[in-house]
Amino acid sequence: MSEIPFRAPRFAPKAGQPFYQELTKRVNAYFTQNNLSPKGNYKLYVKTGVLIGGFLAAYLGLVLAAPGFEVAMLRMAPSQERRGFHRFQHLYFSGLYAMLYIYWVVYTDYKKYFSGKVGNVPIPKLTRFQHISFWAWKALHLGLFVGLPMWKLGVLPWFGGFMLMGMSAGLVLSMVFQLAHVVTEASFTPYVHGETLETEDEWAIHQIKTTANFATKSRFLTWFLGGLNFQVEHHLFPRISHVHYPDLAKIVKQTCEEFNVTYTEFKTFASAVRSHVQHLRMMGQMA
């Protein structure tokens, strides 16, 4: 069976995007009036130094693309085919999430590299420097997190530590992105496999309808997750530093109210988890 080529979704034309135009205008005014740069500030740079020094392991070798869920064991949207075992997915999902990082660095990085695709989406042709970087980071990762600890600690202690690190990273990565999209309150645009997804919504409104924030009042989670709990603002303004997301969220909320656009936000991390589990249960039962 031949692979169905990727078809980019179609949104309302740029000329018909009054919501995003008004939102961008207000955000630009915020930075101008407060004499702020959309880039980071000294707090971000200090944090970056700490995280690079302490958590480099989470990022080594991951140069091709953000994590994707190509797991047939989970049904996350109505457009996916339902299988019998999906009715139990709300019970076993955490085990799959925990294996994401290990599956990623051991298998899918190489699959993407050699196939030149993420799923059925082509990756732009890599430059010579990117090829060298990919293999250099992979070699460094192998040496630092496999070879060196195995030599110093032995095979079994290394294996236990590596699995603990990998499964912790996988669970955190998976939950952060799933809580922002795969919840009962998020919208799922009807889609027929192989056809072009079309919606009358403008791009920004589509992003808001299909995305949710969670625990935005938690200063720890906002710091620890790099603002990814403000997933709506992250989607709308990816080039703006996350240190500004709490203030931008107020602007986005107000604009949504005026344009009658639903803005989804879970007050706590636990409430977002409950919604995610409920969604998985529902997707596993409905036809």
Protein backbone atom coordinates (compact mmCIF):
# COMPACT_ATOMS: atom_id res chain seq x y z
CA MET A 1 0.00 0.00 0.00
CA SER A 2 1.46 3.35 -1.05
CA GLU A 3 1.91 6.00 1.63
CA ILE A 4 -0.53 8.91 1.57
CA PRO A 5 1.40 12.19 1.12
CA PHE A 6 1.19 14.92 3.73
CA ARG A 7 -1.37 17.64 2.97
CA ALA A 8 -1.05 20.95 4.79
CA PRO A 9 -4.26 22.11 6.51
CA ARG A 10 -6.15 25.08 5.09
CA PHE A 11 -7.35 27.93 7.28
CA ALA A 12 -9.23 31.14 6.59
CA PRO A 13 -7.20 33.47 4.29
CA LYS A 14 -4.90 36.01 5.98
CA ALA A 15 -7.16 38.84 4.86
CA GLY A 16 -9.93 37.29 6.91
CA GLN A 17 -8.13 37.03 10.24
CA PRO A 18 -9.44 39.96 12.32
CA PHE A 19 -8.94 38.11 15.60
CA TYR A 20 -5.23 37.45 15.09
CA GLN A 21 -4.64 40.91 13.68
CA GLU A 22 -6.21 42.52 16.74
CA LEU A 23 -4.41 40.17 19.11
CA THR A 24 -1.03 40.86 17.51
CA LYS A 25 -1.70 44.58 17.67
CA ARG A 26 -2.40 44.40 21.40
CA VAL A 27 0.62 42.23 22.13
CA ASN A 28 2.92 44.57 20.22
CA ALA A 29 1.44 47.51 22.13
CA TYR A 30 2.17 45.70 25.41
CA PHE A 31 5.87 45.47 24.62
CA THR A 32 6.05 49.03 23.30
CA GLN A 33 4.21 50.65 26.20
CA ASN A 34 6.23 48.75 28.81
CA ASN A 35 9.52 49.20 26.96
CA LEU A 36 10.14 45.46 27.00
CA SER A 37 11.88 43.10 24.63
CA PRO A 38 9.96 39.99 23.50
CA LYS A 39 13.18 38.09 24.13
CA GLY A 40 14.21 36.76 27.51
CA ASN A 41 15.51 38.67 30.52
CA TYR A 42 18.30 38.01 33.02
CA LYS A 43 16.18 35.44 34.90
CA LEU A 44 15.82 33.38 31.75
CA TYR A 45 19.56 33.46 31.07
CA VAL A 46 20.40 32.37 34.62
CA LYS A 47 17.85 29.57 34.41
CA THR A 48 19.19 28.47 31.03
CA GLY A 49 22.70 28.18 32.43
CA VAL A 50 21.48 26.06 35.33
CA LEU A 51 19.40 23.75 33.16
CA ILE A 52 22.10 23.29 30.53
CA GLY A 53 24.53 22.32 33.24
CA GLY A 54 22.15 20.05 35.14
CA PHE A 55 19.75 18.57 32.61
CA LEU A 56 21.69 18.32 29.35
CA ALA A 57 20.78 14.66 29.14
CA ALA A 58 17.21 15.45 28.21
CA TYR A 59 18.22 17.19 25.00
CA LEU A 60 21.30 15.43 23.61
CA GLY A 61 20.80 14.02 20.14
CA LEU A 62 17.26 15.33 19.73
CA VAL A 63 17.92 17.46 16.68
CA LEU A 64 15.32 16.36 14.18
CA ALA A 65 11.89 17.17 15.59
CA ALA A 66 9.69 17.51 18.64
CA PRO A 67 8.24 14.32 20.09
CA GLY A 68 5.27 12.86 18.24
CA PHE A 69 2.88 10.16 19.26
CA GLU A 70 2.89 7.55 16.52
CA VAL A 71 1.48 4.94 18.90
CA ALA A 72 -1.27 2.73 17.50
CA MET A 73 -1.92 1.56 21.05
CA LEU A 74 -3.63 4.88 21.79
CA ARG A 75 -6.71 6.44 20.21
CA MET A 76 -6.59 10.16 20.93
CA ALA A 77 -8.97 11.64 18.34
CA PRO A 78 -12.33 10.61 16.81
CA SER A 79 -10.73 10.38 13.36
CA GLN A 80 -8.51 7.47 14.49
CA GLU A 81 -9.65 3.90 13.99
CA ARG A 82 -10.94 2.33 17.18
CA ARG A 83 -9.65 -1.08 18.20
CA GLY A 84 -10.83 -3.38 20.96
CA PHE A 85 -7.89 -2.79 23.28
CA HIS A 86 -8.44 0.97 23.21
CA ARG A 87 -11.17 0.58 25.82
CA PHE A 88 -8.39 -0.06 28.33
CA GLN A 89 -6.12 2.79 27.22
CA HIS A 90 -7.02 4.99 30.20
CA LEU A 91 -5.41 2.28 32.34
CA TYR A 92 -2.18 1.62 30.43
CA PHE A 93 -1.37 5.04 28.89
CA SER A 94 1.15 6.03 31.57
CA GLY A 95 3.31 3.00 30.76
CA LEU A 96 3.47 3.99 27.11
CA TYR A 97 4.25 7.60 28.00
CA ALA A 98 7.10 6.49 30.24
CA MET A 99 8.73 4.67 27.32
CA LEU A 100 8.54 7.63 24.93
CA TYR A 101 12.00 9.07 25.59
CA ILE A 102 13.78 5.72 25.36
CA TYR A 103 11.84 4.77 22.21
CA TRP A 104 12.65 8.21 20.83
CA VAL A 105 16.44 8.17 21.28
CA VAL A 106 16.87 4.48 20.51
CA TYR A 107 14.60 4.15 17.48
CA THR A 108 12.58 7.09 16.16
CA ASP A 109 15.49 9.54 15.89
CA TYR A 110 17.15 7.13 13.46
CA LYS A 111 13.89 6.37 11.66
CA LYS A 112 13.35 10.09 11.02
CA TYR A 113 16.98 10.57 9.98
CA PHE A 114 17.12 7.75 7.43
CA SER A 115 13.57 8.12 6.10
CA GLY A 116 13.76 11.92 5.89
CA LYS A 117 10.26 12.14 7.37
CA VAL A 118 8.42 12.63 10.65
CA GLY A 119 5.47 10.33 10.12
CA ASN A 120 4.52 11.22 6.54
CA VAL A 121 5.74 14.83 6.80
CA PRO A 122 9.01 15.38 4.89
CA ILE A 123 11.96 16.90 6.76
CA PRO A 124 13.85 19.67 4.91
CA LYS A 125 17.09 18.35 3.47
CA LEU A 126 19.77 18.42 6.14
CA THR A 127 22.95 20.40 5.61
CA ARG A 128 26.38 18.84 6.03
CA PHE A 129 26.70 20.57 9.40
CA GLN A 130 23.36 19.11 10.54
CA HIS A 131 24.44 15.62 9.49
CA ILE A 132 27.68 15.98 11.45
CA SER A 133 25.82 17.45 14.43
CA PHE A 134 23.33 14.59 14.52
CA TRP A 135 26.00 11.91 14.69
CA ALA A 136 28.24 13.92 17.01
CA TRP A 137 25.44 14.40 19.57
CA LYS A 138 24.46 10.75 19.26
CA ALA A 139 28.06 9.67 19.88
CA LEU A 140 28.35 12.01 22.87
CA HIS A 141 25.05 10.75 24.29
CA LEU A 142 26.18 7.16 23.87
CA GLY A 143 29.47 7.87 25.58
CA LEU A 144 28.14 9.92 28.49
CA PHE A 145 24.96 8.00 29.26
CA VAL A 146 25.83 4.46 28.21
CA GLY A 147 29.56 3.86 27.91
CA LEU A 148 30.91 5.88 30.84
CA PRO A 149 28.37 4.85 33.52
CA MET A 150 28.48 1.22 32.36
CA TRP A 151 32.28 1.25 32.70
CA LYS A 152 32.23 2.93 36.13
CA LEU A 153 29.16 1.28 37.68
CA GLY A 154 28.60 -1.98 35.84
CA VAL A 155 25.84 -3.12 33.52
CA LEU A 156 22.97 -3.63 35.98
CA PRO A 157 23.39 -0.36 37.95
CA TRP A 158 23.72 1.54 34.67
CA PHE A 159 20.64 -0.13 33.22
CA GLY A 160 18.56 0.67 36.29
CA GLY A 161 19.69 4.31 36.32
CA PHE A 162 19.23 4.77 32.59
CA MET A 163 15.72 3.31 32.67
CA LEU A 164 14.77 5.50 35.63
CA MET A 165 16.07 8.62 33.90
CA GLY A 166 14.52 7.72 30.55
CA MET A 167 11.13 6.76 31.91
CA SER A 168 10.96 9.89 34.07
CA ALA A 169 11.79 12.07 31.06
CA GLY A 170 9.29 10.24 28.87
CA LEU A 171 6.47 10.59 31.38
CA VAL A 172 7.10 14.31 31.91
CA LEU A 173 7.42 15.08 28.19
CA SER A 174 4.31 13.10 27.30
CA MET A 175 2.10 14.50 30.03
CA VAL A 176 3.05 18.12 29.31
CA PHE A 177 2.04 17.92 25.65
CA GLN A 178 -0.93 15.61 26.13
CA LEU A 179 -2.50 17.78 28.83
CA ALA A 180 -2.32 20.70 26.42
CA HIS A 181 -4.14 18.96 23.57
CA VAL A 182 -5.68 15.59 24.40
CA VAL A 183 -8.37 16.61 26.89
CA THR A 184 -12.15 16.62 26.81
CA GLU A 185 -12.36 20.41 26.56
CA ALA A 186 -10.11 20.68 23.49
CA SER A 187 -11.67 20.72 20.02
CA PHE A 188 -10.83 18.09 17.40
CA THR A 189 -11.43 19.20 13.82
CA PRO A 190 -13.15 16.46 11.75
CA TYR A 191 -10.58 14.86 9.48
CA VAL A 192 -10.67 12.12 6.85
CA HIS A 193 -7.34 10.33 6.43
CA GLY A 194 -5.67 11.28 3.16
CA GLU A 195 -7.75 14.40 2.59
CA THR A 196 -6.80 18.02 3.22
CA LEU A 197 -8.01 19.34 6.56
CA GLU A 198 -10.04 22.48 5.96
CA THR A 199 -11.61 24.82 8.49
CA GLU A 200 -13.36 28.16 8.27
CA ASP A 201 -11.57 29.28 11.44
CA GLU A 202 -8.57 31.51 11.09
CA TRP A 203 -5.27 29.97 12.14
CA ALA A 204 -5.09 31.61 15.58
CA ILE A 205 -8.64 30.64 16.55
CA HIS A 206 -7.97 27.05 15.47
CA GLN A 207 -4.89 27.00 17.71
CA ILE A 208 -6.89 28.23 20.70
CA LYS A 209 -9.77 25.80 20.16
CA THR A 210 -7.44 22.81 19.99
CA THR A 211 -5.18 23.79 22.89
CA ALA A 212 -5.48 24.11 26.66
CA ASN A 213 -3.43 25.73 29.42
CA PHE A 214 -2.99 24.19 32.85
CA ALA A 215 -1.75 25.25 36.29
CA THR A 216 -0.81 28.73 35.08
CA LYS A 217 -0.78 30.08 38.66
CA SER A 218 1.92 27.61 39.68
CA ARG A 219 5.21 29.50 39.61
CA PHE A 220 7.16 26.27 40.02
CA LEU A 221 5.53 24.51 37.06
CA THR A 222 5.85 27.62 34.89
CA TRP A 223 9.57 27.72 35.71
CA PHE A 224 10.15 23.97 35.49
CA LEU A 225 8.24 23.50 32.22
CA GLY A 226 9.61 26.61 30.54
CA GLY A 227 6.14 28.10 30.16
CA LEU A 228 4.72 25.07 28.34
CA ASN A 229 1.78 25.08 30.74
CA PHE A 230 0.87 28.27 28.83
CA GLN A 231 0.47 26.18 25.69
CA VAL A 232 -2.03 28.57 24.05
CA GLU A 233 0.43 31.47 24.17
CA HIS A 234 3.26 29.15 23.17
CA HIS A 235 1.37 28.25 19.97
CA LEU A 236 0.33 31.81 19.16
CA PHE A 237 3.68 33.47 19.87
CA PRO A 238 6.47 30.86 19.58
CA ARG A 239 9.10 33.55 18.97
CA ILE A 240 8.33 35.37 22.23
CA SER A 241 10.11 34.23 25.39
CA HIS A 242 8.00 32.26 27.83
CA VAL A 243 8.85 34.69 30.63
CA HIS A 244 6.18 36.97 29.12
CA TYR A 245 3.45 34.32 28.84
CA PRO A 246 1.66 35.15 32.13
CA ASP A 247 1.12 38.75 30.98
CA LEU A 248 0.31 37.75 27.41
CA ALA A 249 -2.29 35.28 28.69
CA LYS A 250 -4.31 38.18 30.13
CA ILE A 251 -4.32 39.87 26.72
CA VAL A 252 -5.30 36.66 24.93
CA LYS A 253 -8.12 35.95 27.38
CA GLN A 254 -9.59 39.43 27.02
CA THR A 255 -9.39 39.29 23.24
CA CYS A 256 -11.05 35.86 23.23
CA GLU A 257 -13.91 37.19 25.35
CA GLU A 258 -14.50 40.07 22.95
CA PHE A 259 -14.45 37.78 19.89
CA ASN A 260 -16.49 35.03 21.60
CA VAL A 261 -13.68 32.47 21.32
CA THR A 262 -13.46 29.74 23.97
CA TYR A 263 -10.22 29.90 25.96
CA THR A 264 -9.57 26.63 27.81
CA GLU A 265 -7.58 26.63 31.02
CA PHE A 266 -7.33 24.09 33.82
CA LYS A 267 -6.71 25.69 37.19
CA THR A 268 -4.55 22.82 38.45
CA PHE A 269 -2.31 20.09 37.07
CA ALA A 270 -4.54 17.45 38.66
CA SER A 271 -7.69 18.73 36.95
CA ALA A 272 -5.91 18.57 33.58
CA VAL A 273 -4.83 14.98 34.28
CA ARG A 274 -8.42 14.02 35.15
CA SER A 275 -9.66 15.52 31.89
CA HIS A 276 -6.97 13.66 29.93
CA VAL A 277 -7.88 10.32 31.51
CA GLN A 278 -11.57 10.99 30.90
CA HIS A 279 -10.85 11.79 27.25
CA LEU A 280 -8.85 8.59 26.76
CA ARG A 281 -11.65 6.59 28.36
CA MET A 282 -14.21 8.23 26.07
CA MET A 283 -12.11 7.71 22.93
CA GLY A 284 -11.66 4.06 23.88
CA GLN A 285 -15.40 3.49 24.14
CA MET A 286 -16.99 5.58 21.41
CA ALA A 287 -17.15 4.37 17.80
